[in-house]
Amino acid sequence: MVRLGVNLMAWSGQVDVGLFPRIARLGYDGVELPLLAPDAVDASAVRRALAEAGLRCTASGALPPKASLLDPARRQRAVNWIDNCLACAAACGAEVLCGPFCAPVGELVGRGPTDAERESCLASLRALADRARARGVVLAIEVLNRFETYFMNTAADAVALIDAVDSPWVGAHLDTFHMNVEEKSVPAALRLVGRRLAHMHFSENDRGVVGSGHVDWPGVRAALRDAGYLASDRWIVAETFAGGVPEIAAATAIWRPLVPDPWTYARESLRFMKALLEGE
């Protein structure tokens, strides 16, 4: 059965183990660890705190500005960064590492991707597939909207990339916030990705409390059910961002409060997700 988690970036950009007990009491199955600075994460302390709280975890990350799988001059830096995140995720006990790992968030060049950039990305992801397998962590590549990246904006883009990589250790990561911008039909896009879907974020159209906006949640549920995702042991993670954290605000263009507070967000989002997934 699919598990429900919440990304810790609702609180900050750090891995704060002090949040774990209260998140567990809300009823979540796990937390998503933001690995924005993987070298600063005390993996043994995280793993111990997770066990004490009875939680499991996934992990998320994003490339720093000087790293990109699309640019041969920055590609090795990006591969090493992602491998470091995979190692940290594995040490924390995460089963999946998700995020926009093709290029830095917000890096726009005034055009779409070139064939050379696609080939550079494919070569990198094929190498990373071996590293993901060695770490025992699935690498889920996130699809972002066109205002945050120029590479891989739609479910169809993800299908082409994941099929070309052709590894069970590299899958697609979809987020309803981005899909709400780019897809003609979010349910149809989910069905298109189908078995390639390795990770799922539930995010409202404005990044507010899940269920408080206009995302077609019944359609999302039906599509995930048809794809077999809801019967899998994968994750659905609620995601929003703490606007008071400069590095997060700059990357996601969040300049105003989107939720009453992180705990209200976590509580109400979980309530909605459980009711949604239990419905018909």
C-alpha atoms as a PDB file:
ATOM      1  CA  MET A   1       0.000   0.000   0.000  1.00  0.00           C
ATOM      2  CA  VAL A   2       1.249   3.482  -0.865  1.00  0.00           C
ATOM      3  CA  ARG A   3       2.804   5.418   2.039  1.00  0.00           C
ATOM      4  CA  LEU A   4       2.204   9.059   2.977  1.00  0.00           C
ATOM      5  CA  GLY A   5       4.967  11.506   3.851  1.00  0.00           C
ATOM      6  CA  VAL A   6       5.609  15.211   4.277  1.00  0.00           C
ATOM      7  CA  ASN A   7       8.642  17.138   3.040  1.00  0.00           C
ATOM      8  CA  LEU A   8      10.517  18.875   5.857  1.00  0.00           C
ATOM      9  CA  MET A   9      10.939  21.953   3.664  1.00  0.00           C
ATOM     10  CA  ALA A  10       7.527  23.013   4.958  1.00  0.00           C
ATOM     11  CA  TRP A  11       9.512  23.993   8.071  1.00  0.00           C
ATOM     12  CA  SER A  12      13.007  24.816   6.767  1.00  0.00           C
ATOM     13  CA  GLY A  13      15.760  23.718   4.433  1.00  0.00           C
ATOM     14  CA  GLN A  14      17.403  21.651   7.172  1.00  0.00           C
ATOM     15  CA  VAL A  15      16.923  18.096   8.411  1.00  0.00           C
ATOM     16  CA  ASP A  16      15.511  18.802  11.870  1.00  0.00           C
ATOM     17  CA  VAL A  17      15.097  15.508  13.731  1.00  0.00           C
ATOM     18  CA  GLY A  18      13.234  17.322  16.488  1.00  0.00           C
ATOM     19  CA  LEU A  19      10.209  17.454  14.179  1.00  0.00           C
ATOM     20  CA  PHE A  20       9.938  13.681  13.841  1.00  0.00           C
ATOM     21  CA  PRO A  21       7.926  12.736  16.957  1.00  0.00           C
ATOM     22  CA  ARG A  22       5.174  15.277  16.310  1.00  0.00           C
ATOM     23  CA  ILE A  23       4.996  14.361  12.603  1.00  0.00           C
ATOM     24  CA  ALA A  24       4.610  10.718  13.627  1.00  0.00           C
ATOM     25  CA  ARG A  25       1.812  11.630  16.033  1.00  0.00           C
ATOM     26  CA  LEU A  26      -0.051  13.314  13.175  1.00  0.00           C
ATOM     27  CA  GLY A  27      -0.171   9.920  11.469  1.00  0.00           C
ATOM     28  CA  TYR A  28       2.384  10.198   8.655  1.00  0.00           C
ATOM     29  CA  ASP A  29       4.286   7.117   7.545  1.00  0.00           C
ATOM     30  CA  GLY A  30       7.463   9.080   6.956  1.00  0.00           C
ATOM     31  CA  VAL A  31       9.267  12.305   6.185  1.00  0.00           C
ATOM     32  CA  GLU A  32      11.116  13.579   3.152  1.00  0.00           C
ATOM     33  CA  LEU A  33      14.603  14.798   4.037  1.00  0.00           C
ATOM     34  CA  PRO A  34      15.869  17.889   2.153  1.00  0.00           C
ATOM     35  CA  LEU A  35      19.474  17.118   1.221  1.00  0.00           C
ATOM     36  CA  LEU A  36      20.417  20.641   0.147  1.00  0.00           C
ATOM     37  CA  ALA A  37      23.727  20.261   2.013  1.00  0.00           C
ATOM     38  CA  PRO A  38      24.262  16.489   2.278  1.00  0.00           C
ATOM     39  CA  ASP A  39      27.666  16.802   3.928  1.00  0.00           C
ATOM     40  CA  ALA A  40      26.032  18.605   6.865  1.00  0.00           C
ATOM     41  CA  VAL A  41      23.548  15.786   7.563  1.00  0.00           C
ATOM     42  CA  ASP A  42      24.314  13.476  10.482  1.00  0.00           C
ATOM     43  CA  ALA A  43      22.919  10.336   8.893  1.00  0.00           C
ATOM     44  CA  SER A  44      23.342   8.127  11.956  1.00  0.00           C
ATOM     45  CA  ALA A  45      21.430  10.627  14.120  1.00  0.00           C
ATOM     46  CA  VAL A  46      18.696  10.879  11.481  1.00  0.00           C
ATOM     47  CA  ARG A  47      18.359   7.130  11.214  1.00  0.00           C
ATOM     48  CA  ARG A  48      18.192   6.776  14.994  1.00  0.00           C
ATOM     49  CA  ALA A  49      15.573   9.529  15.314  1.00  0.00           C
ATOM     50  CA  LEU A  50      13.463   7.967  12.568  1.00  0.00           C
ATOM     51  CA  ALA A  51      13.505   4.600  14.318  1.00  0.00           C
ATOM     52  CA  GLU A  52      12.577   6.173  17.653  1.00  0.00           C
ATOM     53  CA  ALA A  53       9.641   7.991  16.045  1.00  0.00           C
ATOM     54  CA  GLY A  54       8.517   4.947  14.055  1.00  0.00           C
ATOM     55  CA  LEU A  55       8.945   6.754  10.740  1.00  0.00           C
ATOM     56  CA  ARG A  56      10.499   5.874   7.401  1.00  0.00           C
ATOM     57  CA  CYS A  57      11.955   8.367   4.959  1.00  0.00           C
ATOM     58  CA  THR A  58      12.555   9.486   1.432  1.00  0.00           C
ATOM     59  CA  ALA A  59      15.004  12.208   0.407  1.00  0.00           C
ATOM     60  CA  SER A  60      14.975  15.150  -1.969  1.00  0.00           C
ATOM     61  CA  GLY A  61      17.669  17.361  -3.413  1.00  0.00           C
ATOM     62  CA  ALA A  62      18.508  19.941  -6.050  1.00  0.00           C
ATOM     63  CA  LEU A  63      21.647  20.762  -7.990  1.00  0.00           C
ATOM     64  CA  PRO A  64      23.830  23.709  -6.958  1.00  0.00           C
ATOM     65  CA  PRO A  65      24.380  26.445  -9.594  1.00  0.00           C
ATOM     66  CA  LYS A  66      27.776  25.169 -10.756  1.00  0.00           C
ATOM     67  CA  ALA A  67      26.482  21.676 -11.557  1.00  0.00           C
ATOM     68  CA  SER A  68      24.391  20.486 -14.512  1.00  0.00           C
ATOM     69  CA  LEU A  69      23.881  17.190 -16.294  1.00  0.00           C
ATOM     70  CA  LEU A  70      23.208  19.161 -19.494  1.00  0.00           C
ATOM     71  CA  ASP A  71      26.595  20.862 -19.702  1.00  0.00           C
ATOM     72  CA  PRO A  72      29.725  18.720 -20.269  1.00  0.00           C
ATOM     73  CA  ALA A  73      31.797  21.308 -18.385  1.00  0.00           C
ATOM     74  CA  ARG A  74      29.597  20.927 -15.282  1.00  0.00           C
ATOM     75  CA  ARG A  75      28.416  17.357 -15.746  1.00  0.00           C
ATOM     76  CA  GLN A  76      30.949  15.554 -13.559  1.00  0.00           C
ATOM     77  CA  ARG A  77      30.325  17.997 -10.732  1.00  0.00           C
ATOM     78  CA  ALA A  78      26.607  17.212 -11.013  1.00  0.00           C
ATOM     79  CA  VAL A  79      27.144  13.442 -11.102  1.00  0.00           C
ATOM     80  CA  ASN A  80      29.345  13.635  -8.022  1.00  0.00           C
ATOM     81  CA  TRP A  81      26.822  15.846  -6.212  1.00  0.00           C
ATOM     82  CA  ILE A  82      23.944  13.472  -6.936  1.00  0.00           C
ATOM     83  CA  ASP A  83      26.028  10.449  -5.950  1.00  0.00           C
ATOM     84  CA  ASN A  84      26.846  12.189  -2.663  1.00  0.00           C
ATOM     85  CA  CYS A  85      23.106  12.724  -2.129  1.00  0.00           C
ATOM     86  CA  LEU A  86      22.460   9.062  -2.944  1.00  0.00           C
ATOM     87  CA  ALA A  87      25.042   8.025  -0.373  1.00  0.00           C
ATOM     88  CA  CYS A  88      23.526  10.324   2.260  1.00  0.00           C
ATOM     89  CA  ALA A  89      20.011   9.115   1.446  1.00  0.00           C
ATOM     90  CA  ALA A  90      21.096   5.493   1.776  1.00  0.00           C
ATOM     91  CA  ALA A  91      22.832   6.187   5.084  1.00  0.00           C
ATOM     92  CA  CYS A  92      19.638   7.789   6.410  1.00  0.00           C
ATOM     93  CA  GLY A  93      17.596   4.771   5.304  1.00  0.00           C
ATOM     94  CA  ALA A  94      15.795   6.444   2.388  1.00  0.00           C
ATOM     95  CA  GLU A  95      14.346   4.297  -0.359  1.00  0.00           C
ATOM     96  CA  VAL A  96      14.150   7.004  -3.002  1.00  0.00           C
ATOM     97  CA  LEU A  97      16.001  10.237  -3.796  1.00  0.00           C
ATOM     98  CA  CYS A  98      13.877  12.661  -5.767  1.00  0.00           C
ATOM     99  CA  GLY A  99      14.319  16.096  -7.241  1.00  0.00           C
ATOM    100  CA  PRO A 100      15.165  18.229 -10.276  1.00  0.00           C
ATOM    101  CA  PHE A 101      18.578  16.765 -11.017  1.00  0.00           C
ATOM    102  CA  CYS A 102      19.006  17.618 -14.689  1.00  0.00           C
ATOM    103  CA  ALA A 103      19.833  21.307 -14.214  1.00  0.00           C
ATOM    104  CA  PRO A 104      19.732  23.877 -11.400  1.00  0.00           C
ATOM    105  CA  VAL A 105      16.252  25.180 -10.594  1.00  0.00           C
ATOM    106  CA  GLY A 106      15.709  28.574 -12.157  1.00  0.00           C
ATOM    107  CA  GLU A 107      18.408  28.215 -14.794  1.00  0.00           C
ATOM    108  CA  LEU A 108      16.753  29.434 -18.005  1.00  0.00           C
ATOM    109  CA  VAL A 109      18.563  30.129 -21.281  1.00  0.00           C
ATOM    110  CA  GLY A 110      15.837  31.591 -23.487  1.00  0.00           C
ATOM    111  CA  ARG A 111      15.326  28.423 -25.557  1.00  0.00           C
ATOM    112  CA  GLY A 112      14.401  24.798 -25.281  1.00  0.00           C
ATOM    113  CA  PRO A 113      16.853  21.923 -24.802  1.00  0.00           C
ATOM    114  CA  THR A 114      19.230  20.909 -27.571  1.00  0.00           C
ATOM    115  CA  ASP A 115      19.995  17.387 -28.769  1.00  0.00           C
ATOM    116  CA  ALA A 116      23.481  17.728 -27.295  1.00  0.00           C
ATOM    117  CA  GLU A 117      22.008  18.558 -23.880  1.00  0.00           C
ATOM    118  CA  ARG A 118      19.688  15.572 -24.056  1.00  0.00           C
ATOM    119  CA  GLU A 119      22.588  13.270 -24.891  1.00  0.00           C
ATOM    120  CA  SER A 120      24.679  14.723 -22.062  1.00  0.00           C
ATOM    121  CA  CYS A 121      21.815  14.154 -19.634  1.00  0.00           C
ATOM    122  CA  LEU A 122      21.241  10.601 -20.821  1.00  0.00           C
ATOM    123  CA  ALA A 123      24.905   9.664 -20.489  1.00  0.00           C
ATOM    124  CA  SER A 124      24.933  11.094 -16.974  1.00  0.00           C
ATOM    125  CA  LEU A 125      21.743   9.333 -15.869  1.00  0.00           C
ATOM    126  CA  ARG A 126      22.957   5.998 -17.220  1.00  0.00           C
ATOM    127  CA  ALA A 127      26.082   6.373 -15.096  1.00  0.00           C
ATOM    128  CA  LEU A 128      23.988   7.423 -12.113  1.00  0.00           C
ATOM    129  CA  ALA A 129      21.733   4.396 -12.550  1.00  0.00           C
ATOM    130  CA  ASP A 130      24.685   2.189 -11.633  1.00  0.00           C
ATOM    131  CA  ARG A 131      25.440   4.354  -8.603  1.00  0.00           C
ATOM    132  CA  ALA A 132      21.797   4.291  -7.516  1.00  0.00           C
ATOM    133  CA  ARG A 133      21.778   0.497  -7.780  1.00  0.00           C
ATOM    134  CA  ALA A 134      24.974   0.271  -5.742  1.00  0.00           C
ATOM    135  CA  ARG A 135      23.453   2.519  -3.065  1.00  0.00           C
ATOM    136  CA  GLY A 136      20.106   0.711  -3.116  1.00  0.00           C
ATOM    137  CA  VAL A 137      18.227   3.986  -3.648  1.00  0.00           C
ATOM    138  CA  VAL A 138      15.906   4.720  -6.580  1.00  0.00           C
ATOM    139  CA  LEU A 139      16.692   8.028  -8.322  1.00  0.00           C
ATOM    140  CA  ALA A 140      13.464   9.821  -9.262  1.00  0.00           C
ATOM    141  CA  ILE A 141      13.917  12.701 -11.724  1.00  0.00           C
ATOM    142  CA  GLU A 142      11.418  15.510 -11.191  1.00  0.00           C
ATOM    143  CA  VAL A 143       9.464  17.210 -13.964  1.00  0.00           C
ATOM    144  CA  LEU A 144       9.354  20.997 -13.411  1.00  0.00           C
ATOM    145  CA  ASN A 145       7.285  23.700 -15.063  1.00  0.00           C
ATOM    146  CA  ARG A 146       8.781  25.901 -17.775  1.00  0.00           C
ATOM    147  CA  PHE A 147       9.283  28.845 -15.399  1.00  0.00           C
ATOM    148  CA  GLU A 148      11.746  26.837 -13.286  1.00  0.00           C
ATOM    149  CA  THR A 149      13.614  24.896 -15.964  1.00  0.00           C
ATOM    150  CA  TYR A 150      13.788  24.547 -19.730  1.00  0.00           C
ATOM    151  CA  PHE A 151      14.522  20.809 -19.611  1.00  0.00           C
ATOM    152  CA  MET A 152      11.817  18.170 -19.065  1.00  0.00           C
ATOM    153  CA  ASN A 153       8.593  20.090 -18.468  1.00  0.00           C
ATOM    154  CA  THR A 154       5.922  17.493 -19.223  1.00  0.00           C
ATOM    155  CA  ALA A 155       5.008  13.890 -18.561  1.00  0.00           C
ATOM    156  CA  ALA A 156       5.754  13.113 -22.209  1.00  0.00           C
ATOM    157  CA  ASP A 157       9.267  14.533 -21.737  1.00  0.00           C
ATOM    158  CA  ALA A 158       9.716  12.278 -18.714  1.00  0.00           C
ATOM    159  CA  VAL A 159       8.568   9.192 -20.597  1.00  0.00           C
ATOM    160  CA  ALA A 160      11.080   9.832 -23.383  1.00  0.00           C
ATOM    161  CA  LEU A 161      13.940  10.374 -20.932  1.00  0.00           C
ATOM    162  CA  ILE A 162      13.184   7.471 -18.583  1.00  0.00           C
ATOM    163  CA  ASP A 163      12.662   5.048 -21.467  1.00  0.00           C
ATOM    164  CA  ALA A 164      15.996   6.095 -22.981  1.00  0.00           C
ATOM    165  CA  VAL A 165      17.832   5.579 -19.675  1.00  0.00           C
ATOM    166  CA  ASP A 166      16.161   2.153 -19.385  1.00  0.00           C
ATOM    167  CA  SER A 167      17.004   1.290 -15.780  1.00  0.00           C
ATOM    168  CA  PRO A 168      14.759   0.243 -12.884  1.00  0.00           C
ATOM    169  CA  TRP A 169      16.898   2.502 -10.675  1.00  0.00           C
ATOM    170  CA  VAL A 170      15.930   5.715 -12.500  1.00  0.00           C
ATOM    171  CA  GLY A 171      12.274   6.725 -12.652  1.00  0.00           C
ATOM    172  CA  ALA A 172       9.995   9.723 -13.028  1.00  0.00           C
ATOM    173  CA  HIS A 173       8.976  12.051 -10.238  1.00  0.00           C
ATOM    174  CA  LEU A 174       5.755  13.993 -10.798  1.00  0.00           C
ATOM    175  CA  ASP A 175       4.382  16.898  -8.766  1.00  0.00           C
ATOM    176  CA  THR A 176       0.807  18.128  -9.149  1.00  0.00           C
ATOM    177  CA  PHE A 177       1.916  21.771  -8.766  1.00  0.00           C
ATOM    178  CA  HIS A 178       4.039  21.580 -11.907  1.00  0.00           C
ATOM    179  CA  MET A 179       1.528  19.373 -13.718  1.00  0.00           C
ATOM    180  CA  ASN A 180      -1.212  21.929 -13.038  1.00  0.00           C
ATOM    181  CA  VAL A 181       0.833  24.416 -15.087  1.00  0.00           C
ATOM    182  CA  GLU A 182       1.974  22.218 -17.959  1.00  0.00           C
ATOM    183  CA  GLU A 183      -0.484  19.404 -18.612  1.00  0.00           C
ATOM    184  CA  LYS A 184      -3.752  19.593 -20.538  1.00  0.00           C
ATOM    185  CA  SER A 185      -5.026  16.816 -18.273  1.00  0.00           C
ATOM    186  CA  VAL A 186      -3.232  15.835 -15.074  1.00  0.00           C
ATOM    187  CA  PRO A 187      -4.931  12.397 -14.923  1.00  0.00           C
ATOM    188  CA  ALA A 188      -4.033  11.673 -18.547  1.00  0.00           C
ATOM    189  CA  ALA A 189      -0.427  12.664 -17.896  1.00  0.00           C
ATOM    190  CA  LEU A 190      -0.247  10.346 -14.881  1.00  0.00           C
ATOM    191  CA  ARG A 191      -1.602   7.484 -16.945  1.00  0.00           C
ATOM    192  CA  LEU A 192       0.960   8.220 -19.672  1.00  0.00           C
ATOM    193  CA  VAL A 193       3.853   7.908 -17.209  1.00  0.00           C
ATOM    194  CA  GLY A 194       2.294   4.789 -15.678  1.00  0.00           C
ATOM    195  CA  ARG A 195       4.840   2.225 -14.531  1.00  0.00           C
ATOM    196  CA  ARG A 196       7.687   4.735 -14.885  1.00  0.00           C
ATOM    197  CA  LEU A 197       6.385   6.727 -11.908  1.00  0.00           C
ATOM    198  CA  ALA A 198       8.874   6.293  -9.070  1.00  0.00           C
ATOM    199  CA  HIS A 199       7.729   9.090  -6.757  1.00  0.00           C
ATOM    200  CA  MET A 200       4.751  11.414  -6.343  1.00  0.00           C
ATOM    201  CA  HIS A 201       4.344  14.825  -4.737  1.00  0.00           C
ATOM    202  CA  PHE A 202       0.904  16.105  -3.840  1.00  0.00           C
ATOM    203  CA  SER A 203       1.107  19.910  -4.038  1.00  0.00           C
ATOM    204  CA  GLU A 204      -1.779  22.313  -4.383  1.00  0.00           C
ATOM    205  CA  ASN A 205      -1.891  24.687  -7.361  1.00  0.00           C
ATOM    206  CA  ASP A 206      -0.613  27.531  -5.130  1.00  0.00           C
ATOM    207  CA  ARG A 207       1.532  25.301  -2.866  1.00  0.00           C
ATOM    208  CA  GLY A 208      -1.052  25.772  -0.112  1.00  0.00           C
ATOM    209  CA  VAL A 209      -2.704  23.074   1.998  1.00  0.00           C
ATOM    210  CA  VAL A 210      -3.331  20.005  -0.167  1.00  0.00           C
ATOM    211  CA  GLY A 211      -7.004  19.981  -1.114  1.00  0.00           C
ATOM    212  CA  SER A 212      -7.568  23.719  -0.662  1.00  0.00           C
ATOM    213  CA  GLY A 213      -7.173  24.733  -4.318  1.00  0.00           C
ATOM    214  CA  HIS A 214      -8.339  23.619  -7.745  1.00  0.00           C
ATOM    215  CA  VAL A 215      -6.183  20.565  -8.565  1.00  0.00           C
ATOM    216  CA  ASP A 216      -8.369  17.726  -9.903  1.00  0.00           C
ATOM    217  CA  TRP A 217      -7.751  15.439  -6.941  1.00  0.00           C
ATOM    218  CA  PRO A 218     -10.418  12.819  -7.765  1.00  0.00           C
ATOM    219  CA  GLY A 219      -8.908  12.583 -11.252  1.00  0.00           C
ATOM    220  CA  VAL A 220      -5.415  12.223  -9.755  1.00  0.00           C
ATOM    221  CA  ARG A 221      -6.634   9.435  -7.482  1.00  0.00           C
ATOM    222  CA  ALA A 222      -8.315   7.576 -10.336  1.00  0.00           C
ATOM    223  CA  ALA A 223      -5.232   7.828 -12.556  1.00  0.00           C
ATOM    224  CA  LEU A 224      -2.874   6.627  -9.808  1.00  0.00           C
ATOM    225  CA  ARG A 225      -5.232   3.758  -9.070  1.00  0.00           C
ATOM    226  CA  ASP A 226      -5.375   2.784 -12.751  1.00  0.00           C
ATOM    227  CA  ALA A 227      -1.569   2.880 -12.923  1.00  0.00           C
ATOM    228  CA  GLY A 228      -1.299   0.562  -9.918  1.00  0.00           C
ATOM    229  CA  TYR A 229       0.561   3.205  -7.930  1.00  0.00           C
ATOM    230  CA  LEU A 230      -1.826   3.206  -4.964  1.00  0.00           C
ATOM    231  CA  ALA A 231      -1.317  -0.525  -4.500  1.00  0.00           C
ATOM    232  CA  SER A 232       2.483  -0.170  -4.579  1.00  0.00           C
ATOM    233  CA  ASP A 233       4.939   0.395  -1.730  1.00  0.00           C
ATOM    234  CA  ARG A 234       5.933   3.800  -3.155  1.00  0.00           C
ATOM    235  CA  TRP A 235       5.280   7.205  -1.639  1.00  0.00           C
ATOM    236  CA  ILE A 236       2.968  10.183  -1.919  1.00  0.00           C
ATOM    237  CA  VAL A 237       4.581  13.178  -0.233  1.00  0.00           C
ATOM    238  CA  ALA A 238       2.926  16.486   0.607  1.00  0.00           C
ATOM    239  CA  GLU A 239       5.211  19.353  -0.381  1.00  0.00           C
ATOM    240  CA  THR A 240       5.262  23.061   0.251  1.00  0.00           C
ATOM    241  CA  PHE A 241       8.097  25.424   1.147  1.00  0.00           C
ATOM    242  CA  ALA A 242       8.972  27.690   4.048  1.00  0.00           C
ATOM    243  CA  GLY A 243       9.023  31.124   2.437  1.00  0.00           C
ATOM    244  CA  GLY A 244      11.187  32.566   5.200  1.00  0.00           C
ATOM    245  CA  VAL A 245      14.208  30.510   4.112  1.00  0.00           C
ATOM    246  CA  PRO A 246      16.184  32.598   1.581  1.00  0.00           C
ATOM    247  CA  GLU A 247      17.582  29.724  -0.500  1.00  0.00           C
ATOM    248  CA  ILE A 248      14.143  28.139  -0.813  1.00  0.00           C
ATOM    249  CA  ALA A 249      12.351  31.422  -1.550  1.00  0.00           C
ATOM    250  CA  ALA A 250      14.839  32.301  -4.284  1.00  0.00           C
ATOM    251  CA  ALA A 251      14.519  28.935  -6.016  1.00  0.00           C
ATOM    252  CA  THR A 252      10.728  28.661  -5.826  1.00  0.00           C
ATOM    253  CA  ALA A 253       9.652  32.328  -6.052  1.00  0.00           C
ATOM    254  CA  ILE A 254       7.748  32.172  -2.774  1.00  0.00           C
ATOM    255  CA  TRP A 255       7.511  35.698  -1.392  1.00  0.00           C
ATOM    256  CA  ARG A 256       4.358  35.411   0.720  1.00  0.00           C
ATOM    257  CA  PRO A 257       2.969  32.926   3.249  1.00  0.00           C
ATOM    258  CA  LEU A 258       1.192  30.076   1.463  1.00  0.00           C
ATOM    259  CA  VAL A 259      -0.072  28.222   4.529  1.00  0.00           C
ATOM    260  CA  PRO A 260      -1.207  29.330   8.011  1.00  0.00           C
ATOM    261  CA  ASP A 261       1.792  27.544   9.551  1.00  0.00           C
ATOM    262  CA  PRO A 262       3.713  24.313   8.839  1.00  0.00           C
ATOM    263  CA  TRP A 263       1.842  22.218  11.404  1.00  0.00           C
ATOM    264  CA  THR A 264      -1.575  23.276  10.133  1.00  0.00           C
ATOM    265  CA  TYR A 265      -0.346  22.492   6.620  1.00  0.00           C
ATOM    266  CA  ALA A 266       0.879  19.037   7.641  1.00  0.00           C
ATOM    267  CA  ARG A 267      -2.230  18.166   9.647  1.00  0.00           C
ATOM    268  CA  GLU A 268      -4.816  19.372   7.137  1.00  0.00           C
ATOM    269  CA  SER A 269      -2.948  18.002   4.111  1.00  0.00           C
ATOM    270  CA  LEU A 270      -2.737  14.558   5.685  1.00  0.00           C
ATOM    271  CA  ARG A 271      -6.412  14.651   6.597  1.00  0.00           C
ATOM    272  CA  PHE A 272      -7.310  15.463   3.009  1.00  0.00           C
ATOM    273  CA  MET A 273      -4.955  12.892   1.472  1.00  0.00           C
ATOM    274  CA  LYS A 274      -6.270  10.078   3.650  1.00  0.00           C
ATOM    275  CA  ALA A 275      -9.874  10.944   2.868  1.00  0.00           C
ATOM    276  CA  LEU A 276      -9.082  11.210  -0.836  1.00  0.00           C
ATOM    277  CA  LEU A 277      -7.303   7.897  -1.072  1.00  0.00           C
ATOM    278  CA  GLU A 278      -9.994   6.115   0.925  1.00  0.00           C
ATOM    279  CA  GLY A 279     -12.707   7.423  -1.395  1.00  0.00           C
ATOM    280  CA  GLU A 280     -14.035   6.026  -4.623  1.00  0.00           C
END
